[in-house]
Structures are given as structure tokens and as C-alpha cells.
PDB file of N, CA and C in Angstrom:
ATOM      1  N   UNK A   1     -11.508  11.224  -8.961  1.00  0.00           N
ATOM      2  CA  UNK A   1     -10.455  10.385  -9.446  1.00  0.00           C
ATOM      3  C   UNK A   1     -11.025   9.060  -9.957  1.00  0.00           C
ATOM      4  N   UNK A   2     -11.964   8.494  -9.200  1.00  0.00           N
ATOM      5  CA  UNK A   2     -12.530   7.225  -9.642  1.00  0.00           C
ATOM      6  C   UNK A   2     -13.271   7.391 -10.961  1.00  0.00           C
ATOM      7  N   UNK A   3     -14.182   8.346 -11.021  1.00  0.00           N
ATOM      8  CA  UNK A   3     -15.011   8.511 -12.221  1.00  0.00           C
ATOM      9  C   UNK A   3     -14.164   8.829 -13.448  1.00  0.00           C
ATOM     10  N   UNK A   4     -13.096   9.584 -13.264  1.00  0.00           N
ATOM     11  CA  UNK A   4     -12.270   9.989 -14.392  1.00  0.00           C
ATOM     12  C   UNK A   4     -11.304   8.903 -14.831  1.00  0.00           C
ATOM     13  N   UNK A   5     -10.690   8.212 -13.902  1.00  0.00           N
ATOM     14  CA  UNK A   5      -9.630   7.271 -14.247  1.00  0.00           C
ATOM     15  C   UNK A   5      -9.962   5.813 -13.930  1.00  0.00           C
ATOM     16  N   UNK A   6     -10.244   5.527 -12.689  1.00  0.00           N
ATOM     17  CA  UNK A   6     -10.310   4.135 -12.249  1.00  0.00           C
ATOM     18  C   UNK A   6     -11.568   3.395 -12.704  1.00  0.00           C
ATOM     19  N   UNK A   7     -12.565   4.096 -13.180  1.00  0.00           N
ATOM     20  CA  UNK A   7     -13.724   3.403 -13.734  1.00  0.00           C
ATOM     21  C   UNK A   7     -13.427   2.878 -15.138  1.00  0.00           C
ATOM     22  N   UNK A   8     -12.298   3.279 -15.705  1.00  0.00           N
ATOM     23  CA  UNK A   8     -11.875   2.855 -17.052  1.00  0.00           C
ATOM     24  C   UNK A   8     -10.795   1.772 -16.921  1.00  0.00           C
ATOM     25  N   UNK A   9     -11.197   0.526 -17.088  1.00  0.00           N
ATOM     26  CA  UNK A   9     -10.269  -0.590 -16.918  1.00  0.00           C
ATOM     27  C   UNK A   9      -9.049  -0.469 -17.830  1.00  0.00           C
ATOM     28  N   UNK A  10      -9.244  -0.026 -19.058  1.00  0.00           N
ATOM     29  CA  UNK A  10      -8.111   0.095 -19.982  1.00  0.00           C
ATOM     30  C   UNK A  10      -7.094   1.117 -19.470  1.00  0.00           C
ATOM     31  N   UNK A  11      -7.568   2.214 -18.879  1.00  0.00           N
ATOM     32  CA  UNK A  11      -6.647   3.210 -18.330  1.00  0.00           C
ATOM     33  C   UNK A  11      -5.859   2.612 -17.169  1.00  0.00           C
ATOM     34  N   UNK A  12      -6.549   1.890 -16.302  1.00  0.00           N
ATOM     35  CA  UNK A  12      -5.888   1.266 -15.152  1.00  0.00           C
ATOM     36  C   UNK A  12      -4.859   0.246 -15.629  1.00  0.00           C
ATOM     37  N   UNK A  13      -5.216  -0.551 -16.630  1.00  0.00           N
ATOM     38  CA  UNK A  13      -4.275  -1.530 -17.195  1.00  0.00           C
ATOM     39  C   UNK A  13      -2.994  -0.860 -17.677  1.00  0.00           C
ATOM     40  N   UNK A  14      -3.145   0.241 -18.379  1.00  0.00           N
ATOM     41  CA  UNK A  14      -2.011   0.907 -19.019  1.00  0.00           C
ATOM     42  C   UNK A  14      -1.216   1.813 -18.088  1.00  0.00           C
ATOM     43  N   UNK A  15      -1.830   2.294 -17.012  1.00  0.00           N
ATOM     44  CA  UNK A  15      -1.170   3.292 -16.171  1.00  0.00           C
ATOM     45  C   UNK A  15      -0.913   2.879 -14.730  1.00  0.00           C
ATOM     46  N   UNK A  16      -1.611   1.874 -14.250  1.00  0.00           N
ATOM     47  CA  UNK A  16      -1.458   1.473 -12.855  1.00  0.00           C
ATOM     48  C   UNK A  16      -0.961   0.038 -12.740  1.00  0.00           C
ATOM     49  N   UNK A  17      -1.535  -0.845 -13.522  1.00  0.00           N
ATOM     50  CA  UNK A  17      -1.232  -2.276 -13.400  1.00  0.00           C
ATOM     51  C   UNK A  17      -0.385  -2.791 -14.555  1.00  0.00           C
ATOM     52  N   UNK A  18       0.348  -1.933 -15.210  1.00  0.00           N
ATOM     53  CA  UNK A  18       1.090  -2.318 -16.414  1.00  0.00           C
ATOM     54  C   UNK A  18       2.197  -3.330 -16.160  1.00  0.00           C
ATOM     55  N   UNK A  19       2.645  -3.495 -14.940  1.00  0.00           N
ATOM     56  CA  UNK A  19       3.721  -4.444 -14.636  1.00  0.00           C
ATOM     57  C   UNK A  19       3.211  -5.838 -14.265  1.00  0.00           C
ATOM     58  N   UNK A  20       1.915  -6.052 -14.391  1.00  0.00           N
ATOM     59  CA  UNK A  20       1.320  -7.337 -14.067  1.00  0.00           C
ATOM     60  C   UNK A  20       0.828  -8.029 -15.336  1.00  0.00           C
ATOM     61  N   UNK A  21       0.671  -9.323 -15.258  1.00  0.00           N
ATOM     62  CA  UNK A  21       0.131 -10.074 -16.392  1.00  0.00           C
ATOM     63  C   UNK A  21      -1.358  -9.755 -16.528  1.00  0.00           C
ATOM     64  N   UNK A  22      -1.935 -10.139 -17.644  1.00  0.00           N
ATOM     65  CA  UNK A  22      -3.360  -9.895 -17.853  1.00  0.00           C
ATOM     66  C   UNK A  22      -4.195 -10.593 -16.781  1.00  0.00           C
ATOM     67  N   UNK A  23      -3.818 -11.804 -16.442  1.00  0.00           N
ATOM     68  CA  UNK A  23      -4.528 -12.548 -15.407  1.00  0.00           C
ATOM     69  C   UNK A  23      -4.440 -11.839 -14.048  1.00  0.00           C
ATOM     70  N   UNK A  24      -3.271 -11.349 -13.712  1.00  0.00           N
ATOM     71  CA  UNK A  24      -3.087 -10.634 -12.447  1.00  0.00           C
ATOM     72  C   UNK A  24      -3.872  -9.321 -12.442  1.00  0.00           C
ATOM     73  N   UNK A  25      -3.839  -8.591 -13.566  1.00  0.00           N
ATOM     74  CA  UNK A  25      -4.594  -7.328 -13.663  1.00  0.00           C
ATOM     75  C   UNK A  25      -6.083  -7.578 -13.452  1.00  0.00           C
ATOM     76  N   UNK A  26      -6.603  -8.623 -14.092  1.00  0.00           N
ATOM     77  CA  UNK A  26      -8.020  -8.951 -13.927  1.00  0.00           C
ATOM     78  C   UNK A  26      -8.327  -9.289 -12.470  1.00  0.00           C
ATOM     79  N   UNK A  27      -7.458 -10.073 -11.850  1.00  0.00           N
ATOM     80  CA  UNK A  27      -7.661 -10.470 -10.450  1.00  0.00           C
ATOM     81  C   UNK A  27      -7.659  -9.253  -9.531  1.00  0.00           C
ATOM     82  N   UNK A  28      -6.770  -8.325  -9.779  1.00  0.00           N
ATOM     83  CA  UNK A  28      -6.675  -7.128  -8.943  1.00  0.00           C
ATOM     84  C   UNK A  28      -7.847  -6.187  -9.193  1.00  0.00           C
ATOM     85  N   UNK A  29      -8.168  -5.950 -10.432  1.00  0.00           N
ATOM     86  CA  UNK A  29      -9.196  -4.955 -10.762  1.00  0.00           C
ATOM     87  C   UNK A  29     -10.616  -5.433 -10.456  1.00  0.00           C
ATOM     88  N   UNK A  30     -10.924  -6.679 -10.759  1.00  0.00           N
ATOM     89  CA  UNK A  30     -12.298  -7.160 -10.651  1.00  0.00           C
ATOM     90  C   UNK A  30     -12.596  -7.945  -9.375  1.00  0.00           C
ATOM     91  N   UNK A  31     -11.680  -7.972  -8.433  1.00  0.00           N
ATOM     92  CA  UNK A  31     -11.891  -8.726  -7.203  1.00  0.00           C
ATOM     93  C   UNK A  31     -13.137  -8.224  -6.459  1.00  0.00           C
ATOM     94  N   UNK A  32     -13.909  -9.166  -5.926  1.00  0.00           N
ATOM     95  CA  UNK A  32     -15.162  -8.843  -5.238  1.00  0.00           C
ATOM     96  C   UNK A  32     -14.951  -7.979  -3.991  1.00  0.00           C
ATOM     97  N   UNK A  33     -13.895  -8.238  -3.253  1.00  0.00           N
ATOM     98  CA  UNK A  33     -13.685  -7.548  -1.980  1.00  0.00           C
ATOM     99  C   UNK A  33     -12.783  -6.321  -2.068  1.00  0.00           C
ATOM    100  N   UNK A  34     -11.749  -6.367  -2.909  1.00  0.00           N
ATOM    101  CA  UNK A  34     -10.786  -5.273  -2.963  1.00  0.00           C
ATOM    102  C   UNK A  34     -10.484  -4.790  -4.379  1.00  0.00           C
ATOM    103  N   UNK A  35     -11.320  -5.129  -5.325  1.00  0.00           N
ATOM    104  CA  UNK A  35     -11.075  -4.726  -6.705  1.00  0.00           C
ATOM    105  C   UNK A  35     -11.112  -3.217  -6.876  1.00  0.00           C
ATOM    106  N   UNK A  36     -10.308  -2.736  -7.800  1.00  0.00           N
ATOM    107  CA  UNK A  36     -10.257  -1.300  -8.082  1.00  0.00           C
ATOM    108  C   UNK A  36     -11.459  -0.832  -8.904  1.00  0.00           C
ATOM    109  N   UNK A  37     -12.371  -1.724  -9.201  1.00  0.00           N
ATOM    110  CA  UNK A  37     -13.488  -1.396 -10.078  1.00  0.00           C
ATOM    111  C   UNK A  37     -14.675  -0.749  -9.376  1.00  0.00           C
ATOM    112  N   UNK A  38     -14.596  -0.564  -8.058  1.00  0.00           N
ATOM    113  CA  UNK A  38     -15.656   0.168  -7.359  1.00  0.00           C
ATOM    114  C   UNK A  38     -15.026   1.233  -6.471  1.00  0.00           C
ATOM    115  N   UNK A  39     -15.756   2.283  -6.275  1.00  0.00           N
ATOM    116  CA  UNK A  39     -15.267   3.370  -5.436  1.00  0.00           C
ATOM    117  C   UNK A  39     -15.021   2.894  -4.011  1.00  0.00           C
ATOM    118  N   UNK A  40     -15.926   2.080  -3.497  1.00  0.00           N
ATOM    119  CA  UNK A  40     -15.768   1.569  -2.129  1.00  0.00           C
ATOM    120  C   UNK A  40     -14.464   0.790  -1.981  1.00  0.00           C
ATOM    121  N   UNK A  41     -14.196  -0.098  -2.923  1.00  0.00           N
ATOM    122  CA  UNK A  41     -12.981  -0.909  -2.846  1.00  0.00           C
ATOM    123  C   UNK A  41     -11.726  -0.077  -3.101  1.00  0.00           C
ATOM    124  N   UNK A  42     -11.835   0.896  -3.989  1.00  0.00           N
ATOM    125  CA  UNK A  42     -10.674   1.725  -4.301  1.00  0.00           C
ATOM    126  C   UNK A  42     -10.195   2.514  -3.081  1.00  0.00           C
ATOM    127  N   UNK A  43     -11.096   2.833  -2.168  1.00  0.00           N
ATOM    128  CA  UNK A  43     -10.679   3.576  -0.970  1.00  0.00           C
ATOM    129  C   UNK A  43      -9.676   2.791  -0.138  1.00  0.00           C
ATOM    130  N   UNK A  44      -9.745   1.460  -0.172  1.00  0.00           N
ATOM    131  CA  UNK A  44      -8.765   0.641   0.548  1.00  0.00           C
ATOM    132  C   UNK A  44      -7.392   0.825  -0.089  1.00  0.00           C
ATOM    133  N   UNK A  45      -7.336   0.835  -1.418  1.00  0.00           N
ATOM    134  CA  UNK A  45      -6.060   1.036  -2.123  1.00  0.00           C
ATOM    135  C   UNK A  45      -5.483   2.415  -1.826  1.00  0.00           C
ATOM    136  N   UNK A  46      -6.333   3.434  -1.816  1.00  0.00           N
ATOM    137  CA  UNK A  46      -5.869   4.797  -1.527  1.00  0.00           C
ATOM    138  C   UNK A  46      -5.328   4.861  -0.107  1.00  0.00           C
ATOM    139  N   UNK A  47      -6.023   4.261   0.824  1.00  0.00           N
ATOM    140  CA  UNK A  47      -5.549   4.232   2.205  1.00  0.00           C
ATOM    141  C   UNK A  47      -4.196   3.535   2.308  1.00  0.00           C
ATOM    142  N   UNK A  48      -4.033   2.423   1.608  1.00  0.00           N
ATOM    143  CA  UNK A  48      -2.757   1.692   1.644  1.00  0.00           C
ATOM    144  C   UNK A  48      -1.622   2.536   1.083  1.00  0.00           C
ATOM    145  N   UNK A  49      -1.880   3.230  -0.004  1.00  0.00           N
ATOM    146  CA  UNK A  49      -0.848   4.076  -0.626  1.00  0.00           C
ATOM    147  C   UNK A  49      -0.494   5.245   0.275  1.00  0.00           C
ATOM    148  N   UNK A  50      -1.467   5.743   0.994  1.00  0.00           N
ATOM    149  CA  UNK A  50      -1.230   6.885   1.880  1.00  0.00           C
ATOM    150  C   UNK A  50      -0.642   6.477   3.227  1.00  0.00           C
ATOM    151  N   UNK A  51      -0.325   5.207   3.386  1.00  0.00           N
ATOM    152  CA  UNK A  51       0.353   4.770   4.600  1.00  0.00           C
ATOM    153  C   UNK A  51      -0.519   4.045   5.598  1.00  0.00           C
ATOM    154  N   UNK A  52      -1.736   3.724   5.227  1.00  0.00           N
ATOM    155  CA  UNK A  52      -2.630   3.015   6.136  1.00  0.00           C
ATOM    156  C   UNK A  52      -2.189   1.569   6.315  1.00  0.00           C
ATOM    157  N   UNK A  53      -1.636   1.266   7.476  1.00  0.00           N
ATOM    158  CA  UNK A  53      -1.083  -0.070   7.699  1.00  0.00           C
ATOM    159  C   UNK A  53      -2.163  -1.156   7.697  1.00  0.00           C
ATOM    160  N   UNK A  54      -3.357  -0.862   8.193  1.00  0.00           N
ATOM    161  CA  UNK A  54      -4.430  -1.859   8.179  1.00  0.00           C
ATOM    162  C   UNK A  54      -4.852  -2.177   6.747  1.00  0.00           C
ATOM    163  N   UNK A  55      -4.991  -1.163   5.924  1.00  0.00           N
ATOM    164  CA  UNK A  55      -5.372  -1.367   4.524  1.00  0.00           C
ATOM    165  C   UNK A  55      -4.271  -2.113   3.785  1.00  0.00           C
ATOM    166  N   UNK A  56      -3.042  -1.741   4.039  1.00  0.00           N
ATOM    167  CA  UNK A  56      -1.909  -2.406   3.387  1.00  0.00           C
ATOM    168  C   UNK A  56      -1.862  -3.890   3.756  1.00  0.00           C
ATOM    169  N   UNK A  57      -2.050  -4.204   5.017  1.00  0.00           N
ATOM    170  CA  UNK A  57      -2.045  -5.597   5.459  1.00  0.00           C
ATOM    171  C   UNK A  57      -3.223  -6.368   4.881  1.00  0.00           C
ATOM    172  N   UNK A  58      -4.382  -5.723   4.805  1.00  0.00           N
ATOM    173  CA  UNK A  58      -5.558  -6.388   4.238  1.00  0.00           C
ATOM    174  C   UNK A  58      -5.304  -6.765   2.782  1.00  0.00           C
ATOM    175  N   UNK A  59      -4.734  -5.839   2.014  1.00  0.00           N
ATOM    176  CA  UNK A  59      -4.431  -6.124   0.606  1.00  0.00           C
ATOM    177  C   UNK A  59      -3.352  -7.189   0.483  1.00  0.00           C
ATOM    178  N   UNK A  60      -2.333  -7.052   1.288  1.00  0.00           N
ATOM    179  CA  UNK A  60      -1.233  -8.015   1.246  1.00  0.00           C
ATOM    180  C   UNK A  60      -1.738  -9.422   1.559  1.00  0.00           C
ATOM    181  N   UNK A  61      -2.539  -9.545   2.594  1.00  0.00           N
ATOM    182  CA  UNK A  61      -3.057 -10.853   2.986  1.00  0.00           C
ATOM    183  C   UNK A  61      -4.046 -11.415   1.966  1.00  0.00           C
ATOM    184  N   UNK A  62      -4.827 -10.552   1.371  1.00  0.00           N
ATOM    185  CA  UNK A  62      -5.845 -11.003   0.426  1.00  0.00           C
ATOM    186  C   UNK A  62      -5.242 -11.437  -0.909  1.00  0.00           C
ATOM    187  N   UNK A  63      -4.354 -10.637  -1.457  1.00  0.00           N
ATOM    188  CA  UNK A  63      -3.835 -10.903  -2.799  1.00  0.00           C
ATOM    189  C   UNK A  63      -2.549 -11.718  -2.825  1.00  0.00           C
ATOM    190  N   UNK A  64      -1.680 -11.470  -1.899  1.00  0.00           N
ATOM    191  CA  UNK A  64      -0.333 -11.986  -2.059  1.00  0.00           C
ATOM    192  C   UNK A  64       0.036 -13.132  -1.140  1.00  0.00           C
ATOM    193  N   UNK A  65      -0.882 -13.663  -0.396  1.00  0.00           N
ATOM    194  CA  UNK A  65      -0.607 -14.810   0.448  1.00  0.00           C
ATOM    195  C   UNK A  65      -0.649 -16.083  -0.401  1.00  0.00           C
ATOM    196  N   UNK A  66       0.504 -16.662  -0.641  1.00  0.00           N
ATOM    197  CA  UNK A  66       0.563 -17.905  -1.381  1.00  0.00           C
ATOM    198  C   UNK A  66       0.322 -17.789  -2.862  1.00  0.00           C
ATOM    199  N   UNK A  67       0.420 -16.590  -3.426  1.00  0.00           N
ATOM    200  CA  UNK A  67       0.252 -16.422  -4.859  1.00  0.00           C
ATOM    201  C   UNK A  67       1.529 -15.883  -5.473  1.00  0.00           C
ATOM    202  N   UNK A  68       1.529 -15.761  -6.761  1.00  0.00           N
ATOM    203  CA  UNK A  68       2.711 -15.231  -7.455  1.00  0.00           C
ATOM    204  C   UNK A  68       2.736 -13.712  -7.448  1.00  0.00           C
ATOM    205  N   UNK A  69       1.648 -13.068  -7.039  1.00  0.00           N
ATOM    206  CA  UNK A  69       1.625 -11.608  -7.006  1.00  0.00           C
ATOM    207  C   UNK A  69       2.527 -11.100  -5.896  1.00  0.00           C
ATOM    208  N   UNK A  70       3.205 -10.020  -6.158  1.00  0.00           N
ATOM    209  CA  UNK A  70       4.106  -9.434  -5.164  1.00  0.00           C
ATOM    210  C   UNK A  70       3.612  -8.061  -4.771  1.00  0.00           C
ATOM    211  N   UNK A  71       3.567  -7.800  -3.493  1.00  0.00           N
ATOM    212  CA  UNK A  71       3.117  -6.516  -2.954  1.00  0.00           C
ATOM    213  C   UNK A  71       4.282  -5.945  -2.165  1.00  0.00           C
ATOM    214  N   UNK A  72       4.798  -4.820  -2.597  1.00  0.00           N
ATOM    215  CA  UNK A  72       5.931  -4.215  -1.907  1.00  0.00           C
ATOM    216  C   UNK A  72       5.559  -2.818  -1.443  1.00  0.00           C
ATOM    217  N   UNK A  73       6.458  -2.180  -0.737  1.00  0.00           N
ATOM    218  CA  UNK A  73       6.242  -0.821  -0.262  1.00  0.00           C
ATOM    219  C   UNK A  73       6.592   0.224  -1.316  1.00  0.00           C
ATOM    220  N   UNK A  74       6.927  -0.200  -2.515  1.00  0.00           N
ATOM    221  CA  UNK A  74       7.301   0.741  -3.578  1.00  0.00           C
ATOM    222  C   UNK A  74       6.091   1.376  -4.199  1.00  0.00           C
TER     223      UNK A  74
END
């Protein structure tokens, strides 16, 4: 999945992060700790989507604490 889709920033922009501004997409995709641009970091996102409460809290605390980004259960 990573090699086919998530390694392509343009695909992620158009299919995953399309509801965010360009600045927000860059912040989410290229983040050093939780960016979707590496397989290691993407596993945290997959865990969060699959119901991993620790991963979800880590992402929520990292990205959405005091910022305009919104992280919901949707």
C-alpha cells in the first residue's frame, strides 16, 4: 500500500488529504515524527484508523493540540 499509493504525495493530496489546505497537507505528510511520507510513520496512521487508541491519541496530541487542524473519529 505504501509503495503503490502513499509514497506518491500527489496521490495522497488528491485522495486522502483533499479536505485540508496545502499548508495542512504538507504538515501532515512531511512531518518528521508522524508524516505519511515514510512506511514507519504511516503504520501509526493505519493503527489509528483500525481503532488503535494509543496511535489515535498520539496523532491527536501531535497535530491538533492548539492548531487549526481538526482530528475526528470520522
